Amino acid sequence: MFTVRGMEAADYDQVYALWMTIRGFSIRTIDDSREGVERFLRRNPGISVVAEMDGQVVGAILCGHDGRRGCLYHVCVRQDCRMHGIGRAMVVSCMKALQREGINKVSLIAFTQNDVGNAFWKQIGWTRREDLNYYDFVLNRENIENFNL
């Protein structure tokens, strides 16, 4: 049996270890560092979650919002614990937390080659957007200086 609870900064080591076991998972050295995750949790208190089984973190979601739209990041469940409702339970917990914050829309990004993740989102009723292009810009000194030329 598993339990879902709010993620705390003290969960970082177990969450990071879980991330490292997920095939095709991508993390960013700054945003996903201990300091980056702690900053995210302070900015979005009580919204991110972990799933535990026998005292071990077996699932995690970083969840936050900008006051208008929520976003799920790094949704993952340990491979040997999948297909037991853990992912769905974590998503529901995050959605309820967002609703308590007055947020009525949530989105996420899934890599196109993440077959397991994309099948999960489709199976639980999420809509894949075909009408958007997603753009990214890394905020580092070099990129910002080049942008301002």
N, C-alpha and C. Protein backbone atom coordinates (compact mmCIF):
# COMPACT_ATOMS: atom_id res chain seq x y z
N MET A 1 0.84 -1.18 0.00
CA MET A 1 0.00 0.00 0.00
C MET A 1 0.88 1.24 0.00
N PHE A 2 0.40 2.29 -0.61
CA PHE A 2 1.15 3.53 -0.69
C PHE A 2 0.36 4.67 -0.07
N THR A 3 1.08 5.73 0.27
CA THR A 3 0.44 6.96 0.74
C THR A 3 1.00 8.12 -0.09
N VAL A 4 0.17 9.12 -0.28
CA VAL A 4 0.57 10.35 -0.97
C VAL A 4 0.54 11.47 0.05
N ARG A 5 1.60 12.26 0.09
CA ARG A 5 1.69 13.38 1.03
C ARG A 5 2.44 14.52 0.37
N GLY A 6 2.36 15.67 0.99
CA GLY A 6 3.07 16.84 0.47
C GLY A 6 4.57 16.62 0.48
N MET A 7 5.21 17.08 -0.60
CA MET A 7 6.67 16.98 -0.68
C MET A 7 7.30 18.02 0.23
N GLU A 8 8.38 17.64 0.89
CA GLU A 8 9.14 18.53 1.75
C GLU A 8 10.58 18.60 1.25
N ALA A 9 11.27 19.65 1.63
CA ALA A 9 12.67 19.79 1.23
C ALA A 9 13.49 18.58 1.67
N ALA A 10 13.15 17.99 2.81
CA ALA A 10 13.89 16.83 3.32
C ALA A 10 13.74 15.60 2.43
N ASP A 11 12.78 15.62 1.49
CA ASP A 11 12.58 14.49 0.58
C ASP A 11 13.54 14.53 -0.60
N TYR A 12 14.30 15.59 -0.74
CA TYR A 12 15.09 15.80 -1.96
C TYR A 12 15.98 14.61 -2.31
N ASP A 13 16.72 14.07 -1.37
CA ASP A 13 17.65 12.99 -1.71
C ASP A 13 16.93 11.79 -2.30
N GLN A 14 15.80 11.42 -1.71
CA GLN A 14 15.05 10.27 -2.23
C GLN A 14 14.41 10.60 -3.58
N VAL A 15 13.90 11.82 -3.73
CA VAL A 15 13.29 12.21 -5.01
C VAL A 15 14.35 12.23 -6.10
N TYR A 16 15.51 12.81 -5.81
CA TYR A 16 16.58 12.86 -6.80
C TYR A 16 17.01 11.44 -7.18
N ALA A 17 17.15 10.56 -6.20
CA ALA A 17 17.51 9.17 -6.49
C ALA A 17 16.46 8.51 -7.38
N LEU A 18 15.19 8.80 -7.13
CA LEU A 18 14.12 8.27 -7.98
C LEU A 18 14.27 8.81 -9.41
N TRP A 19 14.49 10.12 -9.54
CA TRP A 19 14.67 10.70 -10.88
C TRP A 19 15.77 9.97 -11.65
N MET A 20 16.83 9.61 -10.96
CA MET A 20 17.98 8.98 -11.62
C MET A 20 17.65 7.57 -12.12
N THR A 21 16.56 6.97 -11.64
CA THR A 21 16.18 5.63 -12.09
C THR A 21 15.22 5.64 -13.28
N ILE A 22 14.71 6.81 -13.62
CA ILE A 22 13.67 6.90 -14.65
C ILE A 22 14.32 7.01 -16.02
N ARG A 23 14.04 6.06 -16.88
CA ARG A 23 14.59 6.03 -18.23
C ARG A 23 14.07 7.23 -19.04
N GLY A 24 14.97 7.93 -19.72
CA GLY A 24 14.59 9.05 -20.56
C GLY A 24 14.26 10.32 -19.79
N PHE A 25 14.53 10.34 -18.52
CA PHE A 25 14.22 11.49 -17.67
C PHE A 25 15.28 12.57 -17.88
N SER A 26 14.88 13.81 -17.82
CA SER A 26 15.82 14.91 -18.03
C SER A 26 15.70 15.90 -16.89
N ILE A 27 16.83 16.23 -16.27
CA ILE A 27 16.82 17.25 -15.23
C ILE A 27 17.79 18.35 -15.60
N ARG A 28 17.58 19.49 -14.97
CA ARG A 28 18.44 20.66 -15.20
C ARG A 28 19.27 20.89 -13.94
N THR A 29 20.55 21.15 -14.12
CA THR A 29 21.45 21.24 -12.98
C THR A 29 21.07 22.35 -12.00
N ILE A 30 20.56 23.46 -12.48
CA ILE A 30 20.21 24.56 -11.58
C ILE A 30 18.81 24.36 -11.00
N ASP A 31 17.82 24.22 -11.86
CA ASP A 31 16.43 24.11 -11.41
C ASP A 31 16.17 22.88 -10.56
N ASP A 32 16.83 21.79 -10.86
CA ASP A 32 16.58 20.53 -10.17
C ASP A 32 17.63 20.22 -9.11
N SER A 33 18.48 21.19 -8.83
CA SER A 33 19.43 21.04 -7.72
C SER A 33 18.64 21.11 -6.41
N ARG A 34 19.28 20.76 -5.32
CA ARG A 34 18.63 20.86 -4.00
C ARG A 34 18.09 22.28 -3.79
N GLU A 35 18.93 23.27 -4.07
CA GLU A 35 18.53 24.66 -3.87
C GLU A 35 17.37 25.05 -4.79
N GLY A 36 17.42 24.59 -6.04
CA GLY A 36 16.34 24.90 -6.98
C GLY A 36 15.02 24.29 -6.56
N VAL A 37 15.04 23.05 -6.11
CA VAL A 37 13.80 22.39 -5.67
C VAL A 37 13.29 23.03 -4.39
N GLU A 38 14.18 23.36 -3.46
CA GLU A 38 13.75 24.03 -2.23
C GLU A 38 13.10 25.38 -2.55
N ARG A 39 13.66 26.11 -3.48
CA ARG A 39 13.08 27.40 -3.90
C ARG A 39 11.69 27.18 -4.49
N PHE A 40 11.55 26.15 -5.33
CA PHE A 40 10.27 25.84 -5.94
C PHE A 40 9.23 25.49 -4.87
N LEU A 41 9.62 24.67 -3.90
CA LEU A 41 8.69 24.28 -2.84
C LEU A 41 8.27 25.47 -1.99
N ARG A 42 9.19 26.39 -1.72
CA ARG A 42 8.83 27.60 -0.96
C ARG A 42 7.87 28.47 -1.75
N ARG A 43 8.07 28.55 -3.05
CA ARG A 43 7.21 29.38 -3.93
C ARG A 43 5.83 28.77 -4.08
N ASN A 44 5.73 27.45 -3.97
CA ASN A 44 4.48 26.72 -4.17
C ASN A 44 4.22 25.79 -2.98
N PRO A 45 4.02 26.32 -1.79
CA PRO A 45 3.91 25.46 -0.61
C PRO A 45 2.68 24.56 -0.65
N GLY A 46 2.91 23.29 -0.27
CA GLY A 46 1.81 22.35 -0.11
C GLY A 46 1.18 21.81 -1.38
N ILE A 47 1.82 21.99 -2.53
CA ILE A 47 1.21 21.57 -3.79
C ILE A 47 1.94 20.37 -4.40
N SER A 48 3.24 20.30 -4.26
CA SER A 48 4.02 19.17 -4.78
C SER A 48 3.81 17.97 -3.86
N VAL A 49 3.95 16.76 -4.42
CA VAL A 49 3.68 15.56 -3.64
C VAL A 49 4.72 14.48 -3.87
N VAL A 50 4.77 13.56 -2.90
CA VAL A 50 5.51 12.31 -3.06
C VAL A 50 4.57 11.17 -2.69
N ALA A 51 4.84 10.01 -3.25
CA ALA A 51 4.16 8.78 -2.86
C ALA A 51 5.18 7.92 -2.14
N GLU A 52 4.78 7.36 -1.02
CA GLU A 52 5.66 6.52 -0.24
C GLU A 52 5.09 5.11 -0.11
N MET A 53 6.01 4.16 -0.09
CA MET A 53 5.67 2.77 0.15
C MET A 53 6.77 2.20 1.05
N ASP A 54 6.39 1.68 2.18
CA ASP A 54 7.37 1.13 3.13
C ASP A 54 8.47 2.14 3.47
N GLY A 55 8.09 3.41 3.64
CA GLY A 55 9.04 4.45 4.02
C GLY A 55 9.94 4.95 2.91
N GLN A 56 9.74 4.47 1.69
CA GLN A 56 10.57 4.88 0.55
C GLN A 56 9.73 5.69 -0.43
N VAL A 57 10.32 6.74 -0.97
CA VAL A 57 9.65 7.52 -2.00
C VAL A 57 9.64 6.71 -3.30
N VAL A 58 8.43 6.45 -3.81
CA VAL A 58 8.29 5.67 -5.04
C VAL A 58 7.64 6.48 -6.15
N GLY A 59 7.26 7.72 -5.85
CA GLY A 59 6.67 8.60 -6.86
C GLY A 59 6.81 10.03 -6.42
N ALA A 60 6.79 10.94 -7.39
CA ALA A 60 6.93 12.36 -7.05
C ALA A 60 6.37 13.22 -8.18
N ILE A 61 5.85 14.37 -7.78
CA ILE A 61 5.44 15.41 -8.74
C ILE A 61 5.81 16.76 -8.14
N LEU A 62 6.52 17.56 -8.91
CA LEU A 62 6.68 18.97 -8.59
C LEU A 62 5.49 19.67 -9.22
N CYS A 63 4.75 20.42 -8.43
CA CYS A 63 3.55 21.09 -8.92
C CYS A 63 3.55 22.52 -8.42
N GLY A 64 3.22 23.44 -9.30
CA GLY A 64 3.15 24.83 -8.91
C GLY A 64 2.22 25.59 -9.83
N HIS A 65 2.10 26.89 -9.57
CA HIS A 65 1.25 27.73 -10.41
C HIS A 65 1.77 29.16 -10.42
N ASP A 66 1.30 29.90 -11.39
CA ASP A 66 1.68 31.30 -11.52
C ASP A 66 0.54 32.25 -11.16
N GLY A 67 -0.51 31.71 -10.52
CA GLY A 67 -1.67 32.50 -10.17
C GLY A 67 -2.80 32.35 -11.18
N ARG A 68 -2.49 31.78 -12.31
CA ARG A 68 -3.47 31.61 -13.38
C ARG A 68 -3.58 30.15 -13.84
N ARG A 69 -2.45 29.52 -14.01
CA ARG A 69 -2.42 28.14 -14.52
C ARG A 69 -1.42 27.33 -13.71
N GLY A 70 -1.82 26.10 -13.42
CA GLY A 70 -0.92 25.20 -12.73
C GLY A 70 -0.09 24.42 -13.72
N CYS A 71 1.00 23.85 -13.23
CA CYS A 71 1.85 23.04 -14.09
C CYS A 71 2.43 21.90 -13.26
N LEU A 72 2.46 20.72 -13.87
CA LEU A 72 3.08 19.55 -13.27
C LEU A 72 4.45 19.35 -13.90
N TYR A 73 5.43 19.11 -13.07
CA TYR A 73 6.80 18.88 -13.53
C TYR A 73 7.31 17.56 -12.94
N HIS A 74 8.10 16.86 -13.70
CA HIS A 74 8.81 15.68 -13.23
C HIS A 74 7.88 14.66 -12.57
N VAL A 75 6.81 14.35 -13.24
CA VAL A 75 5.88 13.33 -12.76
C VAL A 75 6.54 11.97 -12.97
N CYS A 76 6.74 11.22 -11.90
CA CYS A 76 7.38 9.92 -12.07
C CYS A 76 6.97 8.95 -10.97
N VAL A 77 6.95 7.69 -11.35
CA VAL A 77 6.69 6.59 -10.43
C VAL A 77 7.75 5.54 -10.70
N ARG A 78 8.33 5.02 -9.64
CA ARG A 78 9.35 3.98 -9.78
C ARG A 78 8.80 2.84 -10.64
N GLN A 79 9.60 2.36 -11.54
CA GLN A 79 9.15 1.41 -12.55
C GLN A 79 8.44 0.19 -11.96
N ASP A 80 8.97 -0.39 -10.90
CA ASP A 80 8.36 -1.59 -10.34
C ASP A 80 7.09 -1.31 -9.53
N CYS A 81 6.74 -0.03 -9.39
CA CYS A 81 5.54 0.35 -8.63
C CYS A 81 4.43 0.90 -9.53
N ARG A 82 4.63 0.87 -10.82
CA ARG A 82 3.63 1.41 -11.75
C ARG A 82 2.43 0.48 -11.88
N MET A 83 1.34 1.03 -12.38
CA MET A 83 0.09 0.29 -12.62
C MET A 83 -0.63 -0.08 -11.33
N HIS A 84 -0.41 0.71 -10.27
CA HIS A 84 -1.09 0.49 -9.00
C HIS A 84 -1.87 1.72 -8.54
N GLY A 85 -2.04 2.70 -9.44
CA GLY A 85 -2.80 3.90 -9.10
C GLY A 85 -2.01 5.00 -8.44
N ILE A 86 -0.70 4.83 -8.31
CA ILE A 86 0.14 5.83 -7.63
C ILE A 86 0.17 7.13 -8.41
N GLY A 87 0.44 7.05 -9.72
CA GLY A 87 0.49 8.26 -10.54
C GLY A 87 -0.83 9.00 -10.51
N ARG A 88 -1.91 8.29 -10.69
CA ARG A 88 -3.25 8.91 -10.68
C ARG A 88 -3.52 9.58 -9.33
N ALA A 89 -3.21 8.90 -8.24
CA ALA A 89 -3.45 9.46 -6.91
C ALA A 89 -2.63 10.73 -6.69
N MET A 90 -1.38 10.73 -7.15
CA MET A 90 -0.56 11.93 -7.00
C MET A 90 -1.12 13.08 -7.83
N VAL A 91 -1.55 12.79 -9.06
CA VAL A 91 -2.11 13.83 -9.93
C VAL A 91 -3.37 14.42 -9.30
N VAL A 92 -4.24 13.56 -8.79
CA VAL A 92 -5.47 14.04 -8.15
C VAL A 92 -5.14 14.93 -6.95
N SER A 93 -4.16 14.53 -6.16
CA SER A 93 -3.75 15.33 -5.01
C SER A 93 -3.29 16.71 -5.45
N CYS A 94 -2.48 16.76 -6.49
CA CYS A 94 -2.00 18.04 -7.01
C CYS A 94 -3.15 18.88 -7.54
N MET A 95 -4.08 18.25 -8.28
CA MET A 95 -5.20 19.00 -8.84
C MET A 95 -6.08 19.59 -7.74
N LYS A 96 -6.31 18.83 -6.67
CA LYS A 96 -7.10 19.35 -5.56
C LYS A 96 -6.40 20.51 -4.87
N ALA A 97 -5.07 20.40 -4.72
CA ALA A 97 -4.30 21.50 -4.11
C ALA A 97 -4.38 22.75 -4.99
N LEU A 98 -4.30 22.57 -6.30
CA LEU A 98 -4.41 23.72 -7.21
C LEU A 98 -5.80 24.34 -7.11
N GLN A 99 -6.84 23.52 -7.04
CA GLN A 99 -8.20 24.05 -6.90
C GLN A 99 -8.33 24.87 -5.62
N ARG A 100 -7.74 24.41 -4.53
CA ARG A 100 -7.79 25.18 -3.28
C ARG A 100 -7.13 26.54 -3.44
N GLU A 101 -6.18 26.63 -4.36
CA GLU A 101 -5.49 27.90 -4.64
C GLU A 101 -6.27 28.76 -5.65
N GLY A 102 -7.42 28.28 -6.12
CA GLY A 102 -8.21 29.03 -7.08
C GLY A 102 -7.75 28.85 -8.52
N ILE A 103 -6.96 27.84 -8.78
CA ILE A 103 -6.45 27.56 -10.12
C ILE A 103 -7.40 26.58 -10.79
N ASN A 104 -7.82 26.88 -12.03
CA ASN A 104 -8.79 26.00 -12.69
C ASN A 104 -8.29 25.37 -13.98
N LYS A 105 -6.99 25.50 -14.25
CA LYS A 105 -6.42 24.85 -15.43
C LYS A 105 -5.00 24.42 -15.10
N VAL A 106 -4.64 23.23 -15.56
CA VAL A 106 -3.30 22.71 -15.29
C VAL A 106 -2.74 22.12 -16.57
N SER A 107 -1.45 22.26 -16.74
CA SER A 107 -0.80 21.72 -17.93
C SER A 107 0.47 21.00 -17.51
N LEU A 108 1.07 20.34 -18.48
CA LEU A 108 2.34 19.67 -18.27
C LEU A 108 3.02 19.51 -19.62
N ILE A 109 4.27 19.17 -19.56
CA ILE A 109 5.04 18.89 -20.77
C ILE A 109 5.52 17.45 -20.66
N ALA A 110 5.29 16.68 -21.70
CA ALA A 110 5.80 15.31 -21.77
C ALA A 110 6.64 15.19 -23.04
N PHE A 111 7.83 14.65 -22.90
CA PHE A 111 8.66 14.45 -24.08
C PHE A 111 7.93 13.57 -25.09
N THR A 112 8.06 13.88 -26.36
CA THR A 112 7.34 13.12 -27.39
C THR A 112 7.73 11.65 -27.40
N GLN A 113 8.95 11.33 -27.02
CA GLN A 113 9.38 9.93 -27.03
C GLN A 113 9.16 9.22 -25.69
N ASN A 114 8.45 9.88 -24.78
CA ASN A 114 8.12 9.28 -23.49
C ASN A 114 6.83 8.48 -23.66
N ASP A 115 6.95 7.29 -24.24
CA ASP A 115 5.77 6.48 -24.55
C ASP A 115 4.96 6.12 -23.31
N VAL A 116 5.64 5.76 -22.23
CA VAL A 116 4.93 5.38 -21.00
C VAL A 116 4.16 6.58 -20.45
N GLY A 117 4.82 7.73 -20.37
CA GLY A 117 4.16 8.93 -19.86
C GLY A 117 3.01 9.38 -20.74
N ASN A 118 3.22 9.42 -22.03
CA ASN A 118 2.17 9.86 -22.93
C ASN A 118 0.96 8.93 -22.90
N ALA A 119 1.20 7.63 -22.78
CA ALA A 119 0.09 6.68 -22.66
C ALA A 119 -0.66 6.91 -21.35
N PHE A 120 0.07 7.21 -20.26
CA PHE A 120 -0.56 7.48 -18.97
C PHE A 120 -1.49 8.69 -19.07
N TRP A 121 -0.98 9.80 -19.63
CA TRP A 121 -1.80 11.02 -19.69
C TRP A 121 -3.04 10.81 -20.55
N LYS A 122 -2.90 10.12 -21.64
CA LYS A 122 -4.05 9.83 -22.50
C LYS A 122 -5.06 8.96 -21.77
N GLN A 123 -4.56 7.94 -21.07
CA GLN A 123 -5.43 7.00 -20.37
C GLN A 123 -6.24 7.67 -19.26
N ILE A 124 -5.68 8.68 -18.60
CA ILE A 124 -6.42 9.32 -17.51
C ILE A 124 -7.20 10.55 -17.98
N GLY A 125 -7.27 10.76 -19.30
CA GLY A 125 -8.19 11.76 -19.84
C GLY A 125 -7.63 13.14 -20.11
N TRP A 126 -6.31 13.29 -20.13
CA TRP A 126 -5.73 14.59 -20.45
C TRP A 126 -5.72 14.77 -21.97
N THR A 127 -5.81 16.00 -22.42
CA THR A 127 -5.86 16.32 -23.84
C THR A 127 -4.50 16.78 -24.33
N ARG A 128 -4.03 16.15 -25.38
CA ARG A 128 -2.77 16.57 -26.01
C ARG A 128 -3.08 17.73 -26.94
N ARG A 129 -2.37 18.83 -26.76
CA ARG A 129 -2.60 20.02 -27.57
C ARG A 129 -1.85 19.90 -28.90
N GLU A 130 -2.54 20.14 -29.97
CA GLU A 130 -1.94 20.13 -31.31
C GLU A 130 -1.84 21.54 -31.88
N ASP A 131 -2.40 22.51 -31.14
CA ASP A 131 -2.51 23.87 -31.67
C ASP A 131 -1.44 24.81 -31.13
N LEU A 132 -0.47 24.29 -30.40
CA LEU A 132 0.55 25.14 -29.79
C LEU A 132 1.95 24.70 -30.20
N ASN A 133 2.84 25.64 -30.21
CA ASN A 133 4.26 25.37 -30.27
C ASN A 133 4.82 25.79 -28.92
N TYR A 134 5.64 24.97 -28.35
CA TYR A 134 6.25 25.27 -27.06
C TYR A 134 7.65 25.82 -27.32
N TYR A 135 7.95 26.99 -26.76
CA TYR A 135 9.25 27.61 -26.95
C TYR A 135 9.97 27.70 -25.62
N ASP A 136 11.28 27.67 -25.69
CA ASP A 136 12.12 27.64 -24.51
C ASP A 136 13.27 28.63 -24.70
N PHE A 137 13.68 29.28 -23.64
CA PHE A 137 14.84 30.17 -23.69
C PHE A 137 15.55 30.04 -22.36
N VAL A 138 16.79 29.62 -22.38
CA VAL A 138 17.57 29.44 -21.16
C VAL A 138 18.12 30.79 -20.73
N LEU A 139 17.78 31.16 -19.49
CA LEU A 139 18.22 32.45 -18.95
C LEU A 139 19.59 32.30 -18.30
N ASN A 140 20.61 32.49 -19.11
CA ASN A 140 21.96 32.58 -18.58
C ASN A 140 22.57 33.85 -19.18
N ARG A 141 23.67 34.28 -18.62
CA ARG A 141 24.26 35.56 -19.03
C ARG A 141 24.54 35.61 -20.53
N GLU A 142 25.14 34.56 -21.05
CA GLU A 142 25.51 34.54 -22.47
C GLU A 142 24.28 34.68 -23.37
N ASN A 143 23.23 33.91 -23.09
CA ASN A 143 22.03 33.98 -23.92
C ASN A 143 21.36 35.35 -23.83
N ILE A 144 21.30 35.91 -22.62
CA ILE A 144 20.66 37.21 -22.47
C ILE A 144 21.48 38.29 -23.18
N GLU A 145 22.80 38.26 -23.06
CA GLU A 145 23.63 39.24 -23.74
C GLU A 145 23.52 39.10 -25.24
N ASN A 146 23.50 37.87 -25.76
CA ASN A 146 23.33 37.67 -27.21
C ASN A 146 21.96 38.14 -27.67
N PHE A 147 20.95 37.96 -26.86
CA PHE A 147 19.59 38.37 -27.20
C PHE A 147 19.50 39.88 -27.31
N ASN A 148 20.23 40.58 -26.48
CA ASN A 148 20.16 42.04 -26.44
C ASN A 148 20.98 42.73 -27.53
N LEU A 149 21.72 42.01 -28.33
CA LEU A 149 22.55 42.61 -29.37
C LEU A 149 21.75 43.36 -30.39
